[in-house]
PDB file of all heavy atoms in Angstrom:
ATOM      1  N   PHE A   1       0.836  -1.202   0.000  1.00  0.00           N
ATOM      2  CA  PHE A   1       0.000   0.000   0.000  1.00  0.00           C
ATOM      3  C   PHE A   1       0.872   1.254   0.000  1.00  0.00           C
ATOM      4  O   PHE A   1       0.589   2.226  -0.711  1.00  0.00           O
ATOM      5  CB  PHE A   1      -0.931   0.019   1.217  1.00  0.00           C
ATOM      6  CG  PHE A   1      -1.932  -1.105   1.258  1.00  0.00           C
ATOM      7  CD1 PHE A   1      -2.319  -1.653   2.463  1.00  0.00           C
ATOM      8  CD2 PHE A   1      -2.488  -1.608   0.092  1.00  0.00           C
ATOM      9  CE1 PHE A   1      -3.244  -2.685   2.520  1.00  0.00           C
ATOM     10  CE2 PHE A   1      -3.415  -2.651   0.135  1.00  0.00           C
ATOM     11  CZ  PHE A   1      -3.792  -3.183   1.355  1.00  0.00           C
ATOM     12  N   PHE A   2       1.928   1.246   0.809  1.00  0.00           N
ATOM     13  CA  PHE A   2       2.839   2.394   0.851  1.00  0.00           C
ATOM     14  C   PHE A   2       3.577   2.538  -0.477  1.00  0.00           C
ATOM     15  O   PHE A   2       3.748   3.662  -0.977  1.00  0.00           O
ATOM     16  CB  PHE A   2       3.839   2.228   1.997  1.00  0.00           C
ATOM     17  CG  PHE A   2       3.278   2.511   3.357  1.00  0.00           C
ATOM     18  CD1 PHE A   2       2.826   1.472   4.171  1.00  0.00           C
ATOM     19  CD2 PHE A   2       3.193   3.809   3.831  1.00  0.00           C
ATOM     20  CE1 PHE A   2       2.301   1.730   5.430  1.00  0.00           C
ATOM     21  CE2 PHE A   2       2.670   4.082   5.096  1.00  0.00           C
ATOM     22  CZ  PHE A   2       2.222   3.037   5.892  1.00  0.00           C
ATOM     23  N   ARG A   3       4.002   1.433  -1.053  1.00  0.00           N
ATOM     24  CA  ARG A   3       4.737   1.509  -2.322  1.00  0.00           C
ATOM     25  C   ARG A   3       3.841   2.001  -3.448  1.00  0.00           C
ATOM     26  O   ARG A   3       4.293   2.740  -4.332  1.00  0.00           O
ATOM     27  CB  ARG A   3       5.337   0.145  -2.645  1.00  0.00           C
ATOM     28  CG  ARG A   3       6.563  -0.144  -1.779  1.00  0.00           C
ATOM     29  CD  ARG A   3       7.283  -1.418  -2.157  1.00  0.00           C
ATOM     30  NE  ARG A   3       8.572  -1.464  -1.459  1.00  0.00           N
ATOM     31  CZ  ARG A   3       9.077  -2.527  -0.870  1.00  0.00           C
ATOM     32  NH1 ARG A   3       8.427  -3.678  -0.905  1.00  0.00           N
ATOM     33  NH2 ARG A   3      10.253  -2.469  -0.255  1.00  0.00           N
ATOM     34  N   ALA A   4       2.582   1.628  -3.433  1.00  0.00           N
ATOM     35  CA  ALA A   4       1.653   2.094  -4.467  1.00  0.00           C
ATOM     36  C   ALA A   4       1.401   3.590  -4.347  1.00  0.00           C
ATOM     37  O   ALA A   4       1.242   4.293  -5.353  1.00  0.00           O
ATOM     38  CB  ALA A   4       0.336   1.327  -4.368  1.00  0.00           C
ATOM     39  N   ALA A   5       1.388   4.096  -3.109  1.00  0.00           N
ATOM     40  CA  ALA A   5       1.094   5.515  -2.885  1.00  0.00           C
ATOM     41  C   ALA A   5       2.331   6.395  -2.998  1.00  0.00           C
ATOM     42  O   ALA A   5       2.208   7.609  -3.193  1.00  0.00           O
ATOM     43  CB  ALA A   5       0.476   5.689  -1.494  1.00  0.00           C
ATOM     44  N   LEU A   6       3.529   5.814  -2.874  1.00  0.00           N
ATOM     45  CA  LEU A   6       4.773   6.590  -2.850  1.00  0.00           C
ATOM     46  C   LEU A   6       5.773   5.999  -3.840  1.00  0.00           C
ATOM     47  O   LEU A   6       6.830   5.492  -3.467  1.00  0.00           O
ATOM     48  CB  LEU A   6       5.368   6.581  -1.437  1.00  0.00           C
ATOM     49  CG  LEU A   6       4.554   7.281  -0.352  1.00  0.00           C
ATOM     50  CD1 LEU A   6       5.057   6.906   1.030  1.00  0.00           C
ATOM     51  CD2 LEU A   6       4.590   8.795  -0.535  1.00  0.00           C
ATOM     52  N   ARG A   7       5.448   6.088  -5.102  1.00  0.00           N
ATOM     53  CA  ARG A   7       6.258   5.431  -6.132  1.00  0.00           C
ATOM     54  C   ARG A   7       7.664   6.015  -6.249  1.00  0.00           C
ATOM     55  O   ARG A   7       8.580   5.341  -6.697  1.00  0.00           O
ATOM     56  CB  ARG A   7       5.535   5.475  -7.475  1.00  0.00           C
ATOM     57  CG  ARG A   7       4.228   4.690  -7.459  1.00  0.00           C
ATOM     58  CD  ARG A   7       3.647   4.474  -8.843  1.00  0.00           C
ATOM     59  NE  ARG A   7       2.404   3.726  -8.778  1.00  0.00           N
ATOM     60  CZ  ARG A   7       2.328   2.402  -8.728  1.00  0.00           C
ATOM     61  NH1 ARG A   7       3.443   1.688  -8.723  1.00  0.00           N
ATOM     62  NH2 ARG A   7       1.162   1.783  -8.671  1.00  0.00           N
ATOM     63  N   GLY A   8       7.870   7.256  -5.844  1.00  0.00           N
ATOM     64  CA  GLY A   8       9.194   7.851  -5.947  1.00  0.00           C
ATOM     65  C   GLY A   8      10.014   7.745  -4.678  1.00  0.00           C
ATOM     66  O   GLY A   8      11.118   8.291  -4.608  1.00  0.00           O
ATOM     67  N   VAL A   9       9.491   7.035  -3.691  1.00  0.00           N
ATOM     68  CA  VAL A   9      10.143   6.943  -2.383  1.00  0.00           C
ATOM     69  C   VAL A   9      10.596   5.501  -2.149  1.00  0.00           C
ATOM     70  O   VAL A   9       9.848   4.548  -2.395  1.00  0.00           O
ATOM     71  CB  VAL A   9       9.184   7.378  -1.260  1.00  0.00           C
ATOM     72  CG1 VAL A   9       9.850   7.239   0.111  1.00  0.00           C
ATOM     73  CG2 VAL A   9       8.698   8.806  -1.487  1.00  0.00           C
ATOM     74  N   LYS A  10      11.842   5.323  -1.659  1.00  0.00           N
ATOM     75  CA  LYS A  10      12.318   3.987  -1.320  1.00  0.00           C
ATOM     76  C   LYS A  10      11.697   3.561   0.014  1.00  0.00           C
ATOM     77  O   LYS A  10      11.878   4.228   1.033  1.00  0.00           O
ATOM     78  CB  LYS A  10      13.842   3.972  -1.202  1.00  0.00           C
ATOM     79  CG  LYS A  10      14.397   2.620  -0.770  1.00  0.00           C
ATOM     80  CD  LYS A  10      15.912   2.667  -0.568  1.00  0.00           C
ATOM     81  CE  LYS A  10      16.431   1.339  -0.029  1.00  0.00           C
ATOM     82  NZ  LYS A  10      17.896   1.372   0.215  1.00  0.00           N
ATOM     83  N   ILE A  11      10.959   2.455  -0.006  1.00  0.00           N
ATOM     84  CA  ILE A  11      10.323   1.948   1.203  1.00  0.00           C
ATOM     85  C   ILE A  11      11.257   0.944   1.870  1.00  0.00           C
ATOM     86  O   ILE A  11      11.643  -0.063   1.271  1.00  0.00           O
ATOM     87  CB  ILE A  11       8.970   1.276   0.888  1.00  0.00           C
ATOM     88  CG1 ILE A  11       8.054   2.245   0.123  1.00  0.00           C
ATOM     89  CG2 ILE A  11       8.307   0.795   2.163  1.00  0.00           C
ATOM     90  CD1 ILE A  11       7.709   3.514   0.863  1.00  0.00           C
ATOM     91  N   VAL A  12      11.643   1.230   3.102  1.00  0.00           N
ATOM     92  CA  VAL A  12      12.544   0.358   3.863  1.00  0.00           C
ATOM     93  C   VAL A  12      11.683  -0.516   4.772  1.00  0.00           C
ATOM     94  O   VAL A  12      11.144  -0.054   5.776  1.00  0.00           O
ATOM     95  CB  VAL A  12      13.551   1.175   4.690  1.00  0.00           C
ATOM     96  CG1 VAL A  12      14.474   0.251   5.471  1.00  0.00           C
ATOM     97  CG2 VAL A  12      14.355   2.102   3.778  1.00  0.00           C
ATOM     98  N   SER A  13      11.564  -1.791   4.387  1.00  0.00           N
ATOM     99  CA  SER A  13      10.697  -2.732   5.100  1.00  0.00           C
ATOM    100  C   SER A  13      11.563  -3.768   5.809  1.00  0.00           C
ATOM    101  O   SER A  13      12.430  -4.399   5.193  1.00  0.00           O
ATOM    102  CB  SER A  13       9.748  -3.412   4.104  1.00  0.00           C
ATOM    103  OG  SER A  13       8.795  -4.204   4.769  1.00  0.00           O
ATOM    104  N   GLN A  14      11.319  -3.959   7.087  1.00  0.00           N
ATOM    105  CA  GLN A  14      12.242  -4.741   7.912  1.00  0.00           C
ATOM    106  C   GLN A  14      12.288  -6.220   7.546  1.00  0.00           C
ATOM    107  O   GLN A  14      13.294  -6.887   7.799  1.00  0.00           O
ATOM    108  CB  GLN A  14      11.896  -4.543   9.382  1.00  0.00           C
ATOM    109  CG  GLN A  14      12.252  -3.133   9.837  1.00  0.00           C
ATOM    110  CD  GLN A  14      11.677  -2.742  11.172  1.00  0.00           C
ATOM    111  OE1 GLN A  14      10.648  -3.259  11.595  1.00  0.00           O
ATOM    112  NE2 GLN A  14      12.331  -1.812  11.848  1.00  0.00           N
ATOM    113  N   ASP A  15      11.260  -6.744   6.930  1.00  0.00           N
ATOM    114  CA  ASP A  15      11.296  -8.143   6.513  1.00  0.00           C
ATOM    115  C   ASP A  15      12.300  -8.376   5.391  1.00  0.00           C
ATOM    116  O   ASP A  15      12.729  -9.506   5.153  1.00  0.00           O
ATOM    117  CB  ASP A  15       9.907  -8.605   6.063  1.00  0.00           C
ATOM    118  CG  ASP A  15       9.401  -7.835   4.853  1.00  0.00           C
ATOM    119  OD1 ASP A  15       9.506  -6.593   4.847  1.00  0.00           O
ATOM    120  OD2 ASP A  15       8.908  -8.472   3.903  1.00  0.00           O
ATOM    121  N   GLU A  16      12.706  -7.311   4.715  1.00  0.00           N
ATOM    122  CA  GLU A  16      13.620  -7.422   3.586  1.00  0.00           C
ATOM    123  C   GLU A  16      15.085  -7.212   3.974  1.00  0.00           C
ATOM    124  O   GLU A  16      15.971  -7.384   3.129  1.00  0.00           O
ATOM    125  CB  GLU A  16      13.224  -6.414   2.498  1.00  0.00           C
ATOM    126  CG  GLU A  16      11.831  -6.668   1.936  1.00  0.00           C
ATOM    127  CD  GLU A  16      11.333  -5.553   1.028  1.00  0.00           C
ATOM    128  OE1 GLU A  16      12.084  -4.565   0.835  1.00  0.00           O
ATOM    129  OE2 GLU A  16      10.197  -5.655   0.531  1.00  0.00           O
ATOM    130  N   LEU A  17      15.337  -6.854   5.214  1.00  0.00           N
ATOM    131  CA  LEU A  17      16.715  -6.562   5.614  1.00  0.00           C
ATOM    132  C   LEU A  17      17.193  -7.338   6.838  1.00  0.00           C
ATOM    133  O   LEU A  17      18.387  -7.570   6.995  1.00  0.00           O
ATOM    134  CB  LEU A  17      16.896  -5.064   5.853  1.00  0.00           C
ATOM    135  CG  LEU A  17      16.115  -4.428   7.017  1.00  0.00           C
ATOM    136  CD1 LEU A  17      16.952  -4.380   8.294  1.00  0.00           C
ATOM    137  CD2 LEU A  17      15.666  -3.014   6.647  1.00  0.00           C
ATOM    138  N   MET A  18      16.271  -7.751   7.707  1.00  0.00           N
ATOM    139  CA  MET A  18      16.692  -8.312   8.992  1.00  0.00           C
ATOM    140  C   MET A  18      17.382  -9.665   8.863  1.00  0.00           C
ATOM    141  O   MET A  18      18.296  -9.981   9.631  1.00  0.00           O
ATOM    142  CB  MET A  18      15.497  -8.418   9.941  1.00  0.00           C
ATOM    143  CG  MET A  18      15.090  -7.082  10.571  1.00  0.00           C
ATOM    144  SD  MET A  18      16.429  -6.319  11.528  1.00  0.00           S
ATOM    145  CE  MET A  18      16.776  -7.578  12.757  1.00  0.00           C
ATOM    146  N   ALA A  19      16.971 -10.493   7.903  1.00  0.00           N
ATOM    147  CA  ALA A  19      17.593 -11.812   7.770  1.00  0.00           C
ATOM    148  C   ALA A  19      19.070 -11.692   7.415  1.00  0.00           C
ATOM    149  O   ALA A  19      19.928 -12.372   7.991  1.00  0.00           O
ATOM    150  CB  ALA A  19      16.848 -12.644   6.727  1.00  0.00           C
ATOM    151  N   GLY A  20      19.375 -10.819   6.475  1.00  0.00           N
ATOM    152  CA  GLY A  20      20.767 -10.605   6.093  1.00  0.00           C
ATOM    153  C   GLY A  20      21.581 -10.041   7.242  1.00  0.00           C
ATOM    154  O   GLY A  20      22.752 -10.426   7.438  1.00  0.00           O
ATOM    155  N   LYS A  21      20.991  -9.139   7.996  1.00  0.00           N
ATOM    156  CA  LYS A  21      21.693  -8.551   9.140  1.00  0.00           C
ATOM    157  C   LYS A  21      21.968  -9.598  10.228  1.00  0.00           C
ATOM    158  O   LYS A  21      23.054  -9.622  10.822  1.00  0.00           O
ATOM    159  CB  LYS A  21      20.865  -7.403   9.720  1.00  0.00           C
ATOM    160  CG  LYS A  21      20.739  -6.189   8.817  1.00  0.00           C
ATOM    161  CD  LYS A  21      22.056  -5.443   8.700  1.00  0.00           C
ATOM    162  CE  LYS A  21      21.899  -4.132   7.947  1.00  0.00           C
ATOM    163  NZ  LYS A  21      23.163  -3.376   7.843  1.00  0.00           N
ATOM    164  N   LEU A  22      20.985 -10.474  10.501  1.00  0.00           N
ATOM    165  CA  LEU A  22      21.191 -11.502  11.521  1.00  0.00           C
ATOM    166  C   LEU A  22      22.232 -12.518  11.058  1.00  0.00           C
ATOM    167  O   LEU A  22      23.101 -12.933  11.838  1.00  0.00           O
ATOM    168  CB  LEU A  22      19.881 -12.212  11.842  1.00  0.00           C
ATOM    169  CG  LEU A  22      19.980 -13.351  12.865  1.00  0.00           C
ATOM    170  CD1 LEU A  22      20.550 -12.857  14.184  1.00  0.00           C
ATOM    171  CD2 LEU A  22      18.615 -14.003  13.074  1.00  0.00           C
ATOM    172  N   LYS A  23      22.171 -12.908   9.811  1.00  0.00           N
ATOM    173  CA  LYS A  23      23.155 -13.860   9.283  1.00  0.00           C
ATOM    174  C   LYS A  23      24.563 -13.305   9.406  1.00  0.00           C
ATOM    175  O   LYS A  23      25.496 -14.006   9.838  1.00  0.00           O
ATOM    176  CB  LYS A  23      22.832 -14.177   7.822  1.00  0.00           C
ATOM    177  CG  LYS A  23      23.720 -15.237   7.210  1.00  0.00           C
ATOM    178  CD  LYS A  23      23.285 -15.560   5.783  1.00  0.00           C
ATOM    179  CE  LYS A  23      24.133 -16.673   5.184  1.00  0.00           C
ATOM    180  NZ  LYS A  23      23.683 -17.017   3.810  1.00  0.00           N
ATOM    181  N   ASP A  24      24.730 -12.044   9.077  1.00  0.00           N
ATOM    182  CA  ASP A  24      26.035 -11.400   9.195  1.00  0.00           C
ATOM    183  C   ASP A  24      26.488 -11.343  10.658  1.00  0.00           C
ATOM    184  O   ASP A  24      27.659 -11.592  10.971  1.00  0.00           O
ATOM    185  CB  ASP A  24      25.963  -9.992   8.605  1.00  0.00           C
ATOM    186  CG  ASP A  24      27.275  -9.233   8.755  1.00  0.00           C
ATOM    187  OD1 ASP A  24      28.249  -9.610   8.089  1.00  0.00           O
ATOM    188  OD2 ASP A  24      27.318  -8.257   9.542  1.00  0.00           O
ATOM    189  N   TYR A  25      25.561 -11.033  11.564  1.00  0.00           N
ATOM    190  CA  TYR A  25      25.894 -10.957  12.990  1.00  0.00           C
ATOM    191  C   TYR A  25      26.381 -12.315  13.502  1.00  0.00           C
ATOM    192  O   TYR A  25      27.389 -12.397  14.224  1.00  0.00           O
ATOM    193  CB  TYR A  25      24.669 -10.510  13.793  1.00  0.00           C
ATOM    194  CG  TYR A  25      24.938 -10.365  15.276  1.00  0.00           C
ATOM    195  CD1 TYR A  25      25.413  -9.172  15.804  1.00  0.00           C
ATOM    196  CD2 TYR A  25      24.727 -11.429  16.141  1.00  0.00           C
ATOM    197  CE1 TYR A  25      25.675  -9.047  17.168  1.00  0.00           C
ATOM    198  CE2 TYR A  25      24.980 -11.318  17.504  1.00  0.00           C
ATOM    199  CZ  TYR A  25      25.461 -10.115  18.005  1.00  0.00           C
ATOM    200  OH  TYR A  25      25.727 -10.003  19.349  1.00  0.00           O
ATOM    201  N   LEU A  26      25.691 -13.379  13.136  1.00  0.00           N
ATOM    202  CA  LEU A  26      26.078 -14.709  13.602  1.00  0.00           C
ATOM    203  C   LEU A  26      27.442 -15.116  13.043  1.00  0.00           C
ATOM    204  O   LEU A  26      28.243 -15.751  13.745  1.00  0.00           O
ATOM    205  CB  LEU A  26      25.015 -15.732  13.213  1.00  0.00           C
ATOM    206  CG  LEU A  26      23.661 -15.587  13.933  1.00  0.00           C
ATOM    207  CD1 LEU A  26      22.658 -16.597  13.384  1.00  0.00           C
ATOM    208  CD2 LEU A  26      23.811 -15.739  15.439  1.00  0.00           C
ATOM    209  N   GLN A  27      27.719 -14.758  11.806  1.00  0.00           N
ATOM    210  CA  GLN A  27      29.019 -15.071  11.221  1.00  0.00           C
ATOM    211  C   GLN A  27      30.146 -14.342  11.938  1.00  0.00           C
ATOM    212  O   GLN A  27      31.263 -14.854  12.041  1.00  0.00           O
ATOM    213  CB  GLN A  27      29.014 -14.728   9.733  1.00  0.00           C
ATOM    214  CG  GLN A  27      28.155 -15.667   8.895  1.00  0.00           C
ATOM    215  CD  GLN A  27      28.013 -15.224   7.458  1.00  0.00           C
ATOM    216  OE1 GLN A  27      28.289 -14.064   7.111  1.00  0.00           O
ATOM    217  NE2 GLN A  27      27.567 -16.122   6.591  1.00  0.00           N
ATOM    218  N   ARG A  28      29.836 -13.139  12.451  1.00  0.00           N
ATOM    219  CA  ARG A  28      30.846 -12.367  13.172  1.00  0.00           C
ATOM    220  C   ARG A  28      30.943 -12.751  14.644  1.00  0.00           C
ATOM    221  O   ARG A  28      31.843 -12.291  15.346  1.00  0.00           O
ATOM    222  CB  ARG A  28      30.532 -10.871  13.052  1.00  0.00           C
ATOM    223  CG  ARG A  28      30.772 -10.313  11.649  1.00  0.00           C
ATOM    224  CD  ARG A  28      30.573  -8.811  11.581  1.00  0.00           C
ATOM    225  NE  ARG A  28      29.173  -8.396  11.680  1.00  0.00           N
ATOM    226  CZ  ARG A  28      28.624  -7.823  12.737  1.00  0.00           C
ATOM    227  NH1 ARG A  28      29.356  -7.579  13.827  1.00  0.00           N
ATOM    228  NH2 ARG A  28      27.349  -7.472  12.733  1.00  0.00           N
ATOM    229  N   HIS A  29      29.999 -13.584  15.131  1.00  0.00           N
ATOM    230  CA  HIS A  29      29.991 -13.992  16.535  1.00  0.00           C
ATOM    231  C   HIS A  29      29.856 -15.514  16.618  1.00  0.00           C
ATOM    232  O   HIS A  29      28.808 -16.052  16.999  1.00  0.00           O
ATOM    233  CB  HIS A  29      28.842 -13.309  17.288  1.00  0.00           C
ATOM    234  CG  HIS A  29      29.020 -11.835  17.438  1.00  0.00           C
ATOM    235  ND1 HIS A  29      28.679 -10.944  16.436  1.00  0.00           N
ATOM    236  CD2 HIS A  29      29.538 -11.089  18.453  1.00  0.00           C
ATOM    237  CE1 HIS A  29      28.964  -9.707  16.842  1.00  0.00           C
ATOM    238  NE2 HIS A  29      29.491  -9.775  18.050  1.00  0.00           N
ATOM    239  N   PRO A  30      30.937 -16.229  16.286  1.00  0.00           N
ATOM    240  CA  PRO A  30      30.884 -17.698  16.316  1.00  0.00           C
ATOM    241  C   PRO A  30      30.605 -18.256  17.701  1.00  0.00           C
ATOM    242  O   PRO A  30      30.120 -19.378  17.833  1.00  0.00           O
ATOM    243  CB  PRO A  30      32.265 -18.105  15.796  1.00  0.00           C
ATOM    244  CG  PRO A  30      33.144 -16.908  16.015  1.00  0.00           C
ATOM    245  CD  PRO A  30      32.252 -15.727  15.836  1.00  0.00           C
ATOM    246  N   GLU A  31      30.907 -17.489  18.752  1.00  0.00           N
ATOM    247  CA  GLU A  31      30.633 -17.969  20.101  1.00  0.00           C
ATOM    248  C   GLU A  31      29.134 -18.133  20.345  1.00  0.00           C
ATOM    249  O   GLU A  31      28.722 -18.922  21.209  1.00  0.00           O
ATOM    250  CB  GLU A  31      31.244 -17.016  21.146  1.00  0.00           C
ATOM    251  CG  GLU A  31      30.528 -15.694  21.349  1.00  0.00           C
ATOM    252  CD  GLU A  31      30.842 -14.635  20.288  1.00  0.00           C
ATOM    253  OE1 GLU A  31      31.541 -14.959  19.302  1.00  0.00           O
ATOM    254  OE2 GLU A  31      30.386 -13.494  20.446  1.00  0.00           O
ATOM    255  N   ILE A  32      28.321 -17.395  19.592  1.00  0.00           N
ATOM    256  CA  ILE A  32      26.864 -17.568  19.646  1.00  0.00           C
ATOM    257  C   ILE A  32      26.422 -18.601  18.619  1.00  0.00           C
ATOM    258  O   ILE A  32      25.677 -19.530  18.924  1.00  0.00           O
ATOM    259  CB  ILE A  32      26.152 -16.226  19.381  1.00  0.00           C
ATOM    260  CG1 ILE A  32      26.509 -15.211  20.467  1.00  0.00           C
ATOM    261  CG2 ILE A  32      24.632 -16.431  19.323  1.00  0.00           C
ATOM    262  CD1 ILE A  32      25.989 -13.827  20.195  1.00  0.00           C
ATOM    263  N   GLN A  33      26.907 -18.445  17.412  1.00  0.00           N
ATOM    264  CA  GLN A  33      26.513 -19.335  16.317  1.00  0.00           C
ATOM    265  C   GLN A  33      26.764 -20.798  16.663  1.00  0.00           C
ATOM    266  O   GLN A  33      25.936 -21.673  16.382  1.00  0.00           O
ATOM    267  CB  GLN A  33      27.263 -18.949  15.047  1.00  0.00           C
ATOM    268  CG  GLN A  33      26.821 -19.699  13.797  1.00  0.00           C
ATOM    269  CD  GLN A  33      27.579 -19.209  12.573  1.00  0.00           C
ATOM    270  OE1 GLN A  33      28.791 -19.022  12.613  1.00  0.00           O
ATOM    271  NE2 GLN A  33      26.862 -18.975  11.488  1.00  0.00           N
ATOM    272  N   ASN A  34      27.891 -21.077  17.317  1.00  0.00           N
ATOM    273  CA  ASN A  34      28.255 -22.461  17.621  1.00  0.00           C
ATOM    274  C   ASN A  34      27.402 -23.079  18.723  1.00  0.00           C
ATOM    275  O   ASN A  34      27.435 -24.301  18.913  1.00  0.00           O
ATOM    276  CB  ASN A  34      29.736 -22.539  18.006  1.00  0.00           C
ATOM    277  CG  ASN A  34      30.658 -22.199  16.849  1.00  0.00           C
ATOM    278  OD1 ASN A  34      30.275 -22.296  15.692  1.00  0.00           O
ATOM    279  ND2 ASN A  34      31.875 -21.782  17.166  1.00  0.00           N
ATOM    280  N   CYS A  35      26.650 -22.245  19.435  1.00  0.00           N
ATOM    281  CA  CYS A  35      25.765 -22.760  20.490  1.00  0.00           C
ATOM    282  C   CYS A  35      24.369 -23.095  19.975  1.00  0.00           C
ATOM    283  O   CYS A  35      23.575 -23.714  20.695  1.00  0.00           O
ATOM    284  CB  CYS A  35      25.631 -21.735  21.617  1.00  0.00           C
ATOM    285  SG  CYS A  35      27.136 -21.444  22.559  1.00  0.00           S
ATOM    286  N   LEU A  36      24.052 -22.669  18.766  1.00  0.00           N
ATOM    287  CA  LEU A  36      22.679 -22.796  18.265  1.00  0.00           C
ATOM    288  C   LEU A  36      22.398 -24.184  17.728  1.00  0.00           C
ATOM    289  O   LEU A  36      23.221 -24.779  17.034  1.00  0.00           O
ATOM    290  CB  LEU A  36      22.435 -21.754  17.167  1.00  0.00           C
ATOM    291  CG  LEU A  36      22.526 -20.293  17.595  1.00  0.00           C
ATOM    292  CD1 LEU A  36      22.394 -19.381  16.391  1.00  0.00           C
ATOM    293  CD2 LEU A  36      21.462 -19.961  18.640  1.00  0.00           C
ATOM    294  N   GLY A  37      21.189 -24.682  18.058  1.00  0.00           N
ATOM    295  CA  GLY A  37      20.752 -25.955  17.528  1.00  0.00           C
ATOM    296  C   GLY A  37      20.517 -25.854  16.031  1.00  0.00           C
ATOM    297  O   GLY A  37      20.045 -24.827  15.530  1.00  0.00           O
ATOM    298  N   THR A  38      20.822 -26.919  15.330  1.00  0.00           N
ATOM    299  CA  THR A  38      20.691 -26.916  13.868  1.00  0.00           C
ATOM    300  C   THR A  38      19.797 -28.061  13.395  1.00  0.00           C
ATOM    301  O   THR A  38      20.050 -28.687  12.371  1.00  0.00           O
ATOM    302  CB  THR A  38      22.074 -27.013  13.197  1.00  0.00           C
ATOM    303  OG1 THR A  38      22.768 -28.172  13.699  1.00  0.00           O
ATOM    304  CG2 THR A  38      22.902 -25.776  13.469  1.00  0.00           C
ATOM    305  N   GLY A  39      18.751 -28.312  14.154  1.00  0.00           N
ATOM    306  CA  GLY A  39      17.814 -29.368  13.768  1.00  0.00           C
ATOM    307  C   GLY A  39      16.650 -28.882  12.935  1.00  0.00           C
ATOM    308  O   GLY A  39      15.792 -29.673  12.535  1.00  0.00           O
ATOM    309  N   GLY A  40      16.601 -27.566  12.682  1.00  0.00           N
ATOM    310  CA  GLY A  40      15.486 -27.020  11.916  1.00  0.00           C
ATOM    311  C   GLY A  40      14.156 -27.176  12.625  1.00  0.00           C
ATOM    312  O   GLY A  40      13.127 -27.446  12.016  1.00  0.00           O
TER     313      GLY A  40
END
């Protein structure tokens, strides 16, 4: 709805950025990453 109303404005939506940010954080903090369960 926001993108349709504001075609000239870049919409920053958190669902499109947070996964990449968390993945990068875990890669930089192996002490956390190595504690996480990986059973899906």
